[in-house]
Amino acid sequence: MSNRKLSPDKTQPIYVPNNTFLDECVRVEIINILPLKVLRPAVKESTKYHQILASIQDVGLVEPPAVTPAPGTSGQYFLLDGHLRIEVLKDLGELKVDCLVATDDDTYSYNKRTNRLSAVQSNKMIVRAMERGVSAERLGKALGLSPQTIRQRFRLLNGICAEVVALLGDTDCPANVFNLLRQMKPLRQIEAAELMIGNKNLSVLLAKALLAATPPDQLVMIKKPSQDHQVSAESMARLERELAALQMQIKTVEEDYGPDVLHLTVIKGYLTKLLANAAVVRWLARHQPEYLKEFQSIAELTELPWADNGPEDDSQSTTAEG
């Protein structure tokens, strides 16, 4: 949903999205947080659980769980995201936790748009932690990454102009794309980022193609290409044809993608509410366990299976579940 307003010169309409969450976190007693899914007992033996446990013990809770007020109750909340984090906090003896409070209970939209930290958001999280004195070694231990990877993430936005950071800040742009954009001058960085967003293609392959097509005077360091690495006019023409064909493929996929997402959203929302009923879960577990397993898999989806092109995330929000 969005509000329709006029631009400052009152000539063009602009759309301002409504806030999905309250501006400030709310401190909630863990006993008043009602989970929307049942965790399997074996989850406490999983690598994911132990990563979150080590992270919280070492650097504290990085991302608050997301909740929404339970209708007809006072002080109770449904847990939209953060089931493993809440379970870890319970095991650590915590009684209260700061939560993001959603203004609706649309768990699909939350997980689809917010649950996975982008490369830019991950960089900001790491920078903030290291500025507070947390070493790369401690962060690496907490997030299950090597100290070298943490330092690379820390330097991710070096040489990237602020406009590009703003453009790609909320996207699932892979970290390696920034390494390629860094080789371009600011204006070319902006142009490349806008082309990638316009084509709805944030892949490393397209970033490499744009870098190869960048005139030498728009590169940060102008290198005289060797004969083996010179891009011929024929190669550039072939690249342009491939990009045009790719755009046609994207349009074809988009025609089916919208209805598929709508169907998945409706089905997932229904199953999530169905599985919030403990009696239904018990009946399914007793009589139709195979159905329960499939229903839970659908309810836990954060994106369509074939749309997993985003970067692997390593914060508590990714190591944490849906």
C-alpha atoms as a PDB file:
ATOM      1  CA  MET A   1       0.000   0.000   0.000  1.00  0.00           C
ATOM      2  CA  SER A   2       1.157   3.540  -0.631  1.00  0.00           C
ATOM      3  CA  ASN A   3       0.018   7.121  -0.275  1.00  0.00           C
ATOM      4  CA  ARG A   4      -0.323   9.264  -3.407  1.00  0.00           C
ATOM      5  CA  LYS A   5       1.295  12.666  -3.011  1.00  0.00           C
ATOM      6  CA  LEU A   6       2.638  15.427  -5.240  1.00  0.00           C
ATOM      7  CA  SER A   7       6.282  16.200  -5.805  1.00  0.00           C
ATOM      8  CA  PRO A   8       7.682  19.461  -4.315  1.00  0.00           C
ATOM      9  CA  ASP A   9       6.923  21.331  -7.550  1.00  0.00           C
ATOM     10  CA  LYS A  10       3.357  19.894  -7.430  1.00  0.00           C
ATOM     11  CA  THR A  11       3.596  18.635 -11.008  1.00  0.00           C
ATOM     12  CA  GLN A  12       4.317  14.926 -10.654  1.00  0.00           C
ATOM     13  CA  PRO A  13       2.631  12.342  -8.435  1.00  0.00           C
ATOM     14  CA  ILE A  14       4.886  10.390  -6.117  1.00  0.00           C
ATOM     15  CA  TYR A  15       4.053   7.371  -4.032  1.00  0.00           C
ATOM     16  CA  VAL A  16       5.197   7.090  -0.451  1.00  0.00           C
ATOM     17  CA  PRO A  17       4.950   3.585   1.034  1.00  0.00           C
ATOM     18  CA  ASN A  18       3.204   3.136   4.348  1.00  0.00           C
ATOM     19  CA  ASN A  19       5.332   1.968   7.259  1.00  0.00           C
ATOM     20  CA  THR A  20       5.211  -1.805   7.603  1.00  0.00           C
ATOM     21  CA  PHE A  21       6.748  -1.666  11.095  1.00  0.00           C
ATOM     22  CA  LEU A  22       6.614   0.685  14.047  1.00  0.00           C
ATOM     23  CA  ASP A  23       9.522   3.136  14.082  1.00  0.00           C
ATOM     24  CA  GLU A  24      10.867   1.862  17.412  1.00  0.00           C
ATOM     25  CA  CYS A  25      11.418  -1.625  18.790  1.00  0.00           C
ATOM     26  CA  VAL A  26       9.139  -2.790  21.590  1.00  0.00           C
ATOM     27  CA  ARG A  27      10.454  -4.784  24.552  1.00  0.00           C
ATOM     28  CA  VAL A  28       8.282  -7.879  24.922  1.00  0.00           C
ATOM     29  CA  GLU A  29       8.283 -10.671  27.483  1.00  0.00           C
ATOM     30  CA  ILE A  30       9.266 -13.857  25.668  1.00  0.00           C
ATOM     31  CA  ILE A  31       6.442 -15.762  27.372  1.00  0.00           C
ATOM     32  CA  ASN A  32       3.977 -13.470  25.556  1.00  0.00           C
ATOM     33  CA  ILE A  33       5.391 -14.253  22.099  1.00  0.00           C
ATOM     34  CA  LEU A  34       3.311 -16.923  20.336  1.00  0.00           C
ATOM     35  CA  PRO A  35       5.168 -18.858  17.584  1.00  0.00           C
ATOM     36  CA  LEU A  36       3.374 -19.530  14.303  1.00  0.00           C
ATOM     37  CA  LYS A  37       5.142 -22.823  13.683  1.00  0.00           C
ATOM     38  CA  VAL A  38       6.362 -25.770  15.699  1.00  0.00           C
ATOM     39  CA  LEU A  39      10.114 -26.367  15.685  1.00  0.00           C
ATOM     40  CA  ARG A  40      11.253 -29.941  15.427  1.00  0.00           C
ATOM     41  CA  PRO A  41      13.170 -31.218  18.493  1.00  0.00           C
ATOM     42  CA  ALA A  42      16.185 -32.027  16.302  1.00  0.00           C
ATOM     43  CA  VAL A  43      16.585 -28.359  15.361  1.00  0.00           C
ATOM     44  CA  LYS A  44      18.735 -27.775  18.452  1.00  0.00           C
ATOM     45  CA  GLU A  45      21.322 -30.132  17.002  1.00  0.00           C
ATOM     46  CA  SER A  46      21.505 -28.261  13.702  1.00  0.00           C
ATOM     47  CA  THR A  47      24.435 -26.136  12.557  1.00  0.00           C
ATOM     48  CA  LYS A  48      22.099 -23.177  12.097  1.00  0.00           C
ATOM     49  CA  TYR A  49      20.984 -23.300  15.727  1.00  0.00           C
ATOM     50  CA  HIS A  50      24.553 -23.439  17.022  1.00  0.00           C
ATOM     51  CA  GLN A  51      25.612 -20.563  14.742  1.00  0.00           C
ATOM     52  CA  ILE A  52      22.868 -18.365  16.172  1.00  0.00           C
ATOM     53  CA  LEU A  53      23.702 -19.479  19.705  1.00  0.00           C
ATOM     54  CA  ALA A  54      27.389 -18.595  19.243  1.00  0.00           C
ATOM     55  CA  SER A  55      26.480 -15.278  17.600  1.00  0.00           C
ATOM     56  CA  ILE A  56      24.155 -14.163  20.410  1.00  0.00           C
ATOM     57  CA  GLN A  57      26.602 -15.260  23.101  1.00  0.00           C
ATOM     58  CA  ASP A  58      29.475 -13.420  21.439  1.00  0.00           C
ATOM     59  CA  VAL A  59      28.020 -10.175  20.047  1.00  0.00           C
ATOM     60  CA  GLY A  60      24.413 -10.167  21.238  1.00  0.00           C
ATOM     61  CA  LEU A  61      21.228 -10.197  19.181  1.00  0.00           C
ATOM     62  CA  VAL A  62      21.973  -8.474  15.867  1.00  0.00           C
ATOM     63  CA  GLU A  63      18.481  -8.438  14.346  1.00  0.00           C
ATOM     64  CA  PRO A  64      15.351  -8.279  16.511  1.00  0.00           C
ATOM     65  CA  PRO A  65      12.587 -10.841  15.918  1.00  0.00           C
ATOM     66  CA  ALA A  66       9.502  -9.574  14.070  1.00  0.00           C
ATOM     67  CA  VAL A  67       6.103  -9.833  15.757  1.00  0.00           C
ATOM     68  CA  THR A  68       2.557  -8.592  15.250  1.00  0.00           C
ATOM     69  CA  PRO A  69      -0.063  -7.975  17.958  1.00  0.00           C
ATOM     70  CA  ALA A  70      -2.329 -10.977  18.553  1.00  0.00           C
ATOM     71  CA  PRO A  71      -5.959  -9.946  17.902  1.00  0.00           C
ATOM     72  CA  GLY A  72      -8.220  -9.931  20.933  1.00  0.00           C
ATOM     73  CA  THR A  73      -5.388 -10.163  23.457  1.00  0.00           C
ATOM     74  CA  SER A  74      -3.488  -7.703  25.573  1.00  0.00           C
ATOM     75  CA  GLY A  75       0.293  -7.766  25.467  1.00  0.00           C
ATOM     76  CA  GLN A  76       0.592 -10.936  23.369  1.00  0.00           C
ATOM     77  CA  TYR A  77       2.187 -11.116  19.924  1.00  0.00           C
ATOM     78  CA  PHE A  78       2.389 -13.591  17.060  1.00  0.00           C
ATOM     79  CA  LEU A  79       5.985 -14.333  16.027  1.00  0.00           C
ATOM     80  CA  LEU A  80       6.430 -13.613  12.306  1.00  0.00           C
ATOM     81  CA  ASP A  81      10.164 -14.157  12.025  1.00  0.00           C
ATOM     82  CA  GLY A  82      12.881 -15.277  14.411  1.00  0.00           C
ATOM     83  CA  HIS A  83      11.736 -18.638  15.749  1.00  0.00           C
ATOM     84  CA  LEU A  84      15.267 -19.961  16.215  1.00  0.00           C
ATOM     85  CA  ARG A  85      16.443 -16.707  17.775  1.00  0.00           C
ATOM     86  CA  ILE A  86      13.604 -16.854  20.314  1.00  0.00           C
ATOM     87  CA  GLU A  87      14.392 -20.501  21.056  1.00  0.00           C
ATOM     88  CA  VAL A  88      18.049 -19.636  21.658  1.00  0.00           C
ATOM     89  CA  LEU A  89      17.097 -16.751  23.955  1.00  0.00           C
ATOM     90  CA  LYS A  90      14.853 -19.088  25.950  1.00  0.00           C
ATOM     91  CA  ASP A  91      17.703 -21.563  26.340  1.00  0.00           C
ATOM     92  CA  LEU A  92      19.971 -18.735  27.499  1.00  0.00           C
ATOM     93  CA  GLY A  93      17.455 -17.801  30.191  1.00  0.00           C
ATOM     94  CA  GLU A  94      16.416 -14.454  28.704  1.00  0.00           C
ATOM     95  CA  LEU A  95      12.980 -13.203  29.776  1.00  0.00           C
ATOM     96  CA  LYS A  96      12.512 -10.212  27.452  1.00  0.00           C
ATOM     97  CA  VAL A  97      13.593  -9.250  23.949  1.00  0.00           C
ATOM     98  CA  ASP A  98      13.373  -6.123  21.781  1.00  0.00           C
ATOM     99  CA  CYS A  99      11.102  -6.841  18.796  1.00  0.00           C
ATOM    100  CA  LEU A 100      10.194  -5.221  15.498  1.00  0.00           C
ATOM    101  CA  VAL A 101       6.410  -4.788  15.593  1.00  0.00           C
ATOM    102  CA  ALA A 102       4.678  -5.227  12.231  1.00  0.00           C
ATOM    103  CA  THR A 103       1.470  -3.369  11.518  1.00  0.00           C
ATOM    104  CA  ASP A 104       0.041  -6.458   9.788  1.00  0.00           C
ATOM    105  CA  ASP A 105       0.637 -10.203   9.910  1.00  0.00           C
ATOM    106  CA  ASP A 106       1.686 -10.698   6.288  1.00  0.00           C
ATOM    107  CA  THR A 107       4.534 -13.099   6.984  1.00  0.00           C
ATOM    108  CA  TYR A 108       5.181 -13.721   3.283  1.00  0.00           C
ATOM    109  CA  SER A 109       5.836 -10.054   2.517  1.00  0.00           C
ATOM    110  CA  TYR A 110       8.034  -9.750   5.594  1.00  0.00           C
ATOM    111  CA  ASN A 111      10.224 -12.705   4.724  1.00  0.00           C
ATOM    112  CA  LYS A 112      10.286 -11.896   1.012  1.00  0.00           C
ATOM    113  CA  ARG A 113      11.339  -8.269   1.431  1.00  0.00           C
ATOM    114  CA  THR A 114      13.074  -7.980   4.773  1.00  0.00           C
ATOM    115  CA  ASN A 115      14.354 -11.266   6.128  1.00  0.00           C
ATOM    116  CA  ARG A 116      17.412 -11.543   3.944  1.00  0.00           C
ATOM    117  CA  LEU A 117      19.973  -8.814   4.522  1.00  0.00           C
ATOM    118  CA  SER A 118      21.348  -7.319   1.337  1.00  0.00           C
ATOM    119  CA  ALA A 119      25.087  -7.035   0.765  1.00  0.00           C
ATOM    120  CA  VAL A 120      24.901  -3.316   1.615  1.00  0.00           C
ATOM    121  CA  GLN A 121      22.947  -3.954   4.821  1.00  0.00           C
ATOM    122  CA  SER A 122      25.379  -6.707   5.787  1.00  0.00           C
ATOM    123  CA  ASN A 123      28.270  -4.293   5.224  1.00  0.00           C
ATOM    124  CA  LYS A 124      26.650  -1.672   7.452  1.00  0.00           C
ATOM    125  CA  MET A 125      26.064  -4.248  10.184  1.00  0.00           C
ATOM    126  CA  ILE A 126      29.707  -5.367  10.097  1.00  0.00           C
ATOM    127  CA  VAL A 127      31.028  -1.787   9.958  1.00  0.00           C
ATOM    128  CA  ARG A 128      28.865  -0.811  12.924  1.00  0.00           C
ATOM    129  CA  ALA A 129      30.037  -3.813  14.947  1.00  0.00           C
ATOM    130  CA  MET A 130      33.730  -3.246  14.173  1.00  0.00           C
ATOM    131  CA  GLU A 131      33.443   0.466  14.975  1.00  0.00           C
ATOM    132  CA  ARG A 132      32.166  -0.585  18.388  1.00  0.00           C
ATOM    133  CA  GLY A 133      35.332  -2.569  18.952  1.00  0.00           C
ATOM    134  CA  VAL A 134      34.259  -6.060  17.874  1.00  0.00           C
ATOM    135  CA  SER A 135      37.185  -7.728  16.129  1.00  0.00           C
ATOM    136  CA  ALA A 136      36.970  -9.497  12.777  1.00  0.00           C
ATOM    137  CA  GLU A 137      37.844 -12.738  14.546  1.00  0.00           C
ATOM    138  CA  ARG A 138      34.911 -12.425  16.971  1.00  0.00           C
ATOM    139  CA  LEU A 139      32.510 -11.479  14.191  1.00  0.00           C
ATOM    140  CA  GLY A 140      33.751 -14.358  12.073  1.00  0.00           C
ATOM    141  CA  LYS A 141      33.210 -16.791  14.918  1.00  0.00           C
ATOM    142  CA  ALA A 142      29.705 -15.437  15.557  1.00  0.00           C
ATOM    143  CA  LEU A 143      28.647 -15.458  11.903  1.00  0.00           C
ATOM    144  CA  GLY A 144      30.410 -18.638  10.823  1.00  0.00           C
ATOM    145  CA  LEU A 145      32.794 -16.799   8.472  1.00  0.00           C
ATOM    146  CA  SER A 146      36.539 -16.430   8.236  1.00  0.00           C
ATOM    147  CA  PRO A 147      38.126 -13.186   9.494  1.00  0.00           C
ATOM    148  CA  GLN A 148      39.331 -12.553   5.933  1.00  0.00           C
ATOM    149  CA  THR A 149      35.738 -12.687   4.648  1.00  0.00           C
ATOM    150  CA  ILE A 150      34.639 -10.295   7.400  1.00  0.00           C
ATOM    151  CA  ARG A 151      37.351  -7.815   6.374  1.00  0.00           C
ATOM    152  CA  GLN A 152      36.286  -8.113   2.728  1.00  0.00           C
ATOM    153  CA  ARG A 153      32.686  -7.378   3.710  1.00  0.00           C
ATOM    154  CA  PHE A 154      33.936  -4.436   5.788  1.00  0.00           C
ATOM    155  CA  ARG A 155      35.616  -2.928   2.692  1.00  0.00           C
ATOM    156  CA  LEU A 156      32.738  -3.823   0.348  1.00  0.00           C
ATOM    157  CA  LEU A 157      31.602  -0.257  -0.367  1.00  0.00           C
ATOM    158  CA  ASN A 158      35.041   1.342  -0.643  1.00  0.00           C
ATOM    159  CA  GLY A 159      35.129   3.182  -3.965  1.00  0.00           C
ATOM    160  CA  ILE A 160      31.359   2.899  -4.500  1.00  0.00           C
ATOM    161  CA  CYS A 161      29.550   6.230  -4.839  1.00  0.00           C
ATOM    162  CA  ALA A 162      26.695   7.076  -2.467  1.00  0.00           C
ATOM    163  CA  GLU A 163      24.100   7.101  -5.262  1.00  0.00           C
ATOM    164  CA  VAL A 164      24.867   3.479  -6.161  1.00  0.00           C
ATOM    165  CA  VAL A 165      24.764   2.456  -2.500  1.00  0.00           C
ATOM    166  CA  ALA A 166      21.290   3.998  -2.282  1.00  0.00           C
ATOM    167  CA  LEU A 167      20.149   2.318  -5.511  1.00  0.00           C
ATOM    168  CA  LEU A 168      21.348  -1.163  -4.539  1.00  0.00           C
ATOM    169  CA  GLY A 169      20.917  -0.882  -0.778  1.00  0.00           C
ATOM    170  CA  ASP A 170      17.680  -2.880  -0.571  1.00  0.00           C
ATOM    171  CA  THR A 171      18.325  -5.310  -3.424  1.00  0.00           C
ATOM    172  CA  ASP A 172      19.741  -8.822  -3.436  1.00  0.00           C
ATOM    173  CA  CYS A 173      22.750  -7.657  -5.440  1.00  0.00           C
ATOM    174  CA  PRO A 174      25.695 -10.087  -5.018  1.00  0.00           C
ATOM    175  CA  ALA A 175      28.774  -8.744  -3.263  1.00  0.00           C
ATOM    176  CA  ASN A 176      30.971  -9.507  -6.294  1.00  0.00           C
ATOM    177  CA  VAL A 177      29.007  -6.968  -8.354  1.00  0.00           C
ATOM    178  CA  PHE A 178      30.412  -4.179  -6.169  1.00  0.00           C
ATOM    179  CA  ASN A 179      33.955  -5.364  -6.941  1.00  0.00           C
ATOM    180  CA  LEU A 180      33.196  -4.831 -10.633  1.00  0.00           C
ATOM    181  CA  LEU A 181      31.417  -1.496 -10.167  1.00  0.00           C
ATOM    182  CA  ARG A 182      34.387  -0.242  -8.142  1.00  0.00           C
ATOM    183  CA  GLN A 183      36.489  -0.323 -11.317  1.00  0.00           C
ATOM    184  CA  MET A 184      34.223   2.305 -12.924  1.00  0.00           C
ATOM    185  CA  LYS A 185      34.040   6.034 -12.341  1.00  0.00           C
ATOM    186  CA  PRO A 186      31.017   7.294 -10.333  1.00  0.00           C
ATOM    187  CA  LEU A 187      28.845   8.360 -13.288  1.00  0.00           C
ATOM    188  CA  ARG A 188      29.403   5.031 -15.028  1.00  0.00           C
ATOM    189  CA  GLN A 189      28.697   3.217 -11.730  1.00  0.00           C
ATOM    190  CA  ILE A 190      25.320   4.951 -11.531  1.00  0.00           C
ATOM    191  CA  GLU A 191      24.560   4.220 -15.175  1.00  0.00           C
ATOM    192  CA  ALA A 192      25.475   0.543 -14.761  1.00  0.00           C
ATOM    193  CA  ALA A 193      23.423   0.183 -11.576  1.00  0.00           C
ATOM    194  CA  GLU A 194      20.382   1.767 -13.237  1.00  0.00           C
ATOM    195  CA  LEU A 195      20.748  -0.543 -16.252  1.00  0.00           C
ATOM    196  CA  MET A 196      20.898  -3.615 -14.006  1.00  0.00           C
ATOM    197  CA  ILE A 197      17.863  -2.512 -12.008  1.00  0.00           C
ATOM    198  CA  GLY A 198      15.970  -1.585 -15.169  1.00  0.00           C
ATOM    199  CA  ASN A 199      16.633  -5.043 -16.602  1.00  0.00           C
ATOM    200  CA  LYS A 200      15.812  -6.673 -13.249  1.00  0.00           C
ATOM    201  CA  ASN A 201      19.094  -8.501 -13.544  1.00  0.00           C
ATOM    202  CA  LEU A 202      21.661  -7.975 -10.779  1.00  0.00           C
ATOM    203  CA  SER A 203      23.877 -10.873 -11.761  1.00  0.00           C
ATOM    204  CA  VAL A 204      27.668 -10.856 -11.809  1.00  0.00           C
ATOM    205  CA  LEU A 205      27.521 -11.895 -15.478  1.00  0.00           C
ATOM    206  CA  LEU A 206      25.707  -8.703 -16.492  1.00  0.00           C
ATOM    207  CA  ALA A 207      28.041  -6.585 -14.350  1.00  0.00           C
ATOM    208  CA  LYS A 208      31.025  -8.133 -16.156  1.00  0.00           C
ATOM    209  CA  ALA A 209      29.401  -7.384 -19.512  1.00  0.00           C
ATOM    210  CA  LEU A 210      28.808  -3.759 -18.523  1.00  0.00           C
ATOM    211  CA  LEU A 211      32.392  -3.438 -17.325  1.00  0.00           C
ATOM    212  CA  ALA A 212      33.660  -4.852 -20.622  1.00  0.00           C
ATOM    213  CA  ALA A 213      31.486  -2.357 -22.508  1.00  0.00           C
ATOM    214  CA  THR A 214      32.698   0.613 -20.450  1.00  0.00           C
ATOM    215  CA  PRO A 215      34.852   3.091 -22.424  1.00  0.00           C
ATOM    216  CA  PRO A 216      38.418   3.336 -21.084  1.00  0.00           C
ATOM    217  CA  ASP A 217      37.979   6.977 -20.055  1.00  0.00           C
ATOM    218  CA  GLN A 218      35.151   5.919 -17.700  1.00  0.00           C
ATOM    219  CA  LEU A 219      37.312   3.427 -15.822  1.00  0.00           C
ATOM    220  CA  VAL A 220      39.096   4.304 -12.596  1.00  0.00           C
ATOM    221  CA  MET A 221      42.391   2.938 -13.894  1.00  0.00           C
ATOM    222  CA  ILE A 222      42.827   3.059 -17.647  1.00  0.00           C
ATOM    223  CA  LYS A 223      44.725  -0.011 -18.730  1.00  0.00           C
ATOM    224  CA  LYS A 224      46.040  -0.529 -22.203  1.00  0.00           C
ATOM    225  CA  PRO A 225      44.451  -3.824 -23.197  1.00  0.00           C
ATOM    226  CA  SER A 226      46.668  -6.522 -24.554  1.00  0.00           C
ATOM    227  CA  GLN A 227      45.928  -7.995 -27.948  1.00  0.00           C
ATOM    228  CA  ASP A 228      44.503 -11.108 -26.278  1.00  0.00           C
ATOM    229  CA  HIS A 229      42.015  -9.124 -24.195  1.00  0.00           C
ATOM    230  CA  GLN A 230      40.829  -6.523 -26.690  1.00  0.00           C
ATOM    231  CA  VAL A 231      37.073  -6.595 -27.241  1.00  0.00           C
ATOM    232  CA  SER A 232      36.344  -6.614 -30.957  1.00  0.00           C
ATOM    233  CA  ALA A 233      33.362  -4.926 -32.579  1.00  0.00           C
ATOM    234  CA  GLU A 234      32.048  -8.377 -33.478  1.00  0.00           C
ATOM    235  CA  SER A 235      32.207  -9.468 -29.827  1.00  0.00           C
ATOM    236  CA  MET A 236      30.396  -6.329 -28.712  1.00  0.00           C
ATOM    237  CA  ALA A 237      27.668  -6.886 -31.308  1.00  0.00           C
ATOM    238  CA  ARG A 238      27.247 -10.468 -30.139  1.00  0.00           C
ATOM    239  CA  LEU A 239      27.056  -9.274 -26.536  1.00  0.00           C
ATOM    240  CA  GLU A 240      24.347  -6.758 -27.444  1.00  0.00           C
ATOM    241  CA  ARG A 241      22.336  -9.483 -29.198  1.00  0.00           C
ATOM    242  CA  GLU A 242      22.646 -11.746 -26.170  1.00  0.00           C
ATOM    243  CA  LEU A 243      21.497  -8.947 -23.855  1.00  0.00           C
ATOM    244  CA  ALA A 244      18.485  -8.270 -26.093  1.00  0.00           C
ATOM    245  CA  ALA A 245      17.595 -11.968 -26.088  1.00  0.00           C
ATOM    246  CA  LEU A 246      17.976 -12.046 -22.312  1.00  0.00           C
ATOM    247  CA  GLN A 247      15.581  -9.113 -21.949  1.00  0.00           C
ATOM    248  CA  MET A 248      12.993 -10.996 -24.024  1.00  0.00           C
ATOM    249  CA  GLN A 249      13.404 -14.046 -21.790  1.00  0.00           C
ATOM    250  CA  ILE A 250      12.929 -11.879 -18.701  1.00  0.00           C
ATOM    251  CA  LYS A 251       9.683 -10.446 -20.074  1.00  0.00           C
ATOM    252  CA  THR A 252       8.406 -13.956 -20.808  1.00  0.00           C
ATOM    253  CA  VAL A 253       9.213 -15.151 -17.303  1.00  0.00           C
ATOM    254  CA  GLU A 254       7.603 -12.062 -15.752  1.00  0.00           C
ATOM    255  CA  GLU A 255       4.279 -12.903 -17.403  1.00  0.00           C
ATOM    256  CA  ASP A 256       4.108 -16.146 -15.403  1.00  0.00           C
ATOM    257  CA  TYR A 257       5.961 -14.966 -12.316  1.00  0.00           C
ATOM    258  CA  GLY A 258       3.314 -12.482 -11.128  1.00  0.00           C
ATOM    259  CA  PRO A 259       0.400 -14.965 -11.041  1.00  0.00           C
ATOM    260  CA  ASP A 260       2.651 -17.626  -9.490  1.00  0.00           C
ATOM    261  CA  VAL A 261       3.680 -15.271  -6.682  1.00  0.00           C
ATOM    262  CA  LEU A 262       0.043 -14.312  -6.086  1.00  0.00           C
ATOM    263  CA  HIS A 263      -1.024 -17.952  -5.844  1.00  0.00           C
ATOM    264  CA  LEU A 264       1.892 -18.759  -3.547  1.00  0.00           C
ATOM    265  CA  THR A 265       1.105 -15.787  -1.306  1.00  0.00           C
ATOM    266  CA  VAL A 266      -2.535 -16.815  -0.894  1.00  0.00           C
ATOM    267  CA  ILE A 267      -1.695 -20.480  -0.285  1.00  0.00           C
ATOM    268  CA  LYS A 268       1.149 -19.680   2.093  1.00  0.00           C
ATOM    269  CA  GLY A 269      -0.961 -17.245   4.120  1.00  0.00           C
ATOM    270  CA  TYR A 270      -3.742 -19.814   4.465  1.00  0.00           C
ATOM    271  CA  LEU A 271      -1.366 -22.617   5.496  1.00  0.00           C
ATOM    272  CA  THR A 272       0.459 -20.368   7.976  1.00  0.00           C
ATOM    273  CA  LYS A 273      -2.798 -19.557   9.755  1.00  0.00           C
ATOM    274  CA  LEU A 274      -3.859 -23.206   9.563  1.00  0.00           C
ATOM    275  CA  LEU A 275      -0.609 -24.367  11.188  1.00  0.00           C
ATOM    276  CA  ALA A 276      -1.012 -21.761  13.921  1.00  0.00           C
ATOM    277  CA  ASN A 277      -3.859 -23.950  15.203  1.00  0.00           C
ATOM    278  CA  ALA A 278      -2.227 -26.430  17.585  1.00  0.00           C
ATOM    279  CA  ALA A 279      -5.137 -28.873  17.301  1.00  0.00           C
ATOM    280  CA  VAL A 280      -4.763 -29.008  13.515  1.00  0.00           C
ATOM    281  CA  VAL A 281      -1.001 -29.563  13.806  1.00  0.00           C
ATOM    282  CA  ARG A 282      -1.515 -32.397  16.306  1.00  0.00           C
ATOM    283  CA  TRP A 283      -4.122 -34.064  14.074  1.00  0.00           C
ATOM    284  CA  LEU A 284      -1.903 -33.828  11.010  1.00  0.00           C
ATOM    285  CA  ALA A 285       1.112 -35.125  12.937  1.00  0.00           C
ATOM    286  CA  ARG A 286      -0.912 -38.112  14.106  1.00  0.00           C
ATOM    287  CA  HIS A 287      -2.847 -38.951  10.932  1.00  0.00           C
ATOM    288  CA  GLN A 288      -1.103 -37.294   7.958  1.00  0.00           C
ATOM    289  CA  PRO A 289       2.552 -36.579   8.900  1.00  0.00           C
ATOM    290  CA  GLU A 290       3.621 -36.410   5.254  1.00  0.00           C
ATOM    291  CA  TYR A 291       1.065 -33.647   4.608  1.00  0.00           C
ATOM    292  CA  LEU A 292       2.235 -31.766   7.698  1.00  0.00           C
ATOM    293  CA  LYS A 293       5.822 -31.850   6.439  1.00  0.00           C
ATOM    294  CA  GLU A 294       4.818 -30.445   3.043  1.00  0.00           C
ATOM    295  CA  PHE A 295       2.534 -27.807   4.574  1.00  0.00           C
ATOM    296  CA  GLN A 296       5.341 -26.637   6.865  1.00  0.00           C
ATOM    297  CA  SER A 297       7.740 -26.460   3.908  1.00  0.00           C
ATOM    298  CA  ILE A 298       5.311 -24.216   2.009  1.00  0.00           C
ATOM    299  CA  ALA A 299       4.610 -22.072   5.074  1.00  0.00           C
ATOM    300  CA  GLU A 300       8.349 -21.516   5.566  1.00  0.00           C
ATOM    301  CA  LEU A 301       9.006 -20.412   1.961  1.00  0.00           C
ATOM    302  CA  THR A 302      10.602 -16.996   1.632  1.00  0.00           C
ATOM    303  CA  GLU A 303      10.738 -16.985  -2.177  1.00  0.00           C
ATOM    304  CA  LEU A 304       9.925 -19.100  -5.184  1.00  0.00           C
ATOM    305  CA  PRO A 305      12.363 -22.037  -5.477  1.00  0.00           C
ATOM    306  CA  TRP A 306      13.662 -20.942  -8.882  1.00  0.00           C
ATOM    307  CA  ALA A 307      14.212 -17.317  -7.790  1.00  0.00           C
ATOM    308  CA  ASP A 308      17.154 -18.011  -5.506  1.00  0.00           C
ATOM    309  CA  ASN A 309      19.699 -15.749  -7.168  1.00  0.00           C
ATOM    310  CA  GLY A 310      20.524 -13.662  -4.129  1.00  0.00           C
ATOM    311  CA  PRO A 311      23.759 -13.769  -2.174  1.00  0.00           C
ATOM    312  CA  GLU A 312      24.214 -16.175   0.668  1.00  0.00           C
ATOM    313  CA  ASP A 313      23.544 -14.250   3.848  1.00  0.00           C
ATOM    314  CA  ASP A 314      25.467 -14.724   7.032  1.00  0.00           C
ATOM    315  CA  SER A 315      23.742 -12.603   9.637  1.00  0.00           C
ATOM    316  CA  GLN A 316      21.385 -13.801  12.296  1.00  0.00           C
ATOM    317  CA  SER A 317      18.515 -12.971   9.977  1.00  0.00           C
ATOM    318  CA  THR A 318      19.699 -15.510   7.438  1.00  0.00           C
ATOM    319  CA  THR A 319      21.023 -18.035   9.832  1.00  0.00           C
ATOM    320  CA  ALA A 320      17.816 -17.493  11.640  1.00  0.00           C
ATOM    321  CA  GLU A 321      14.876 -19.095   9.892  1.00  0.00           C
ATOM    322  CA  GLY A 322      11.650 -17.669   8.647  1.00  0.00           C
END
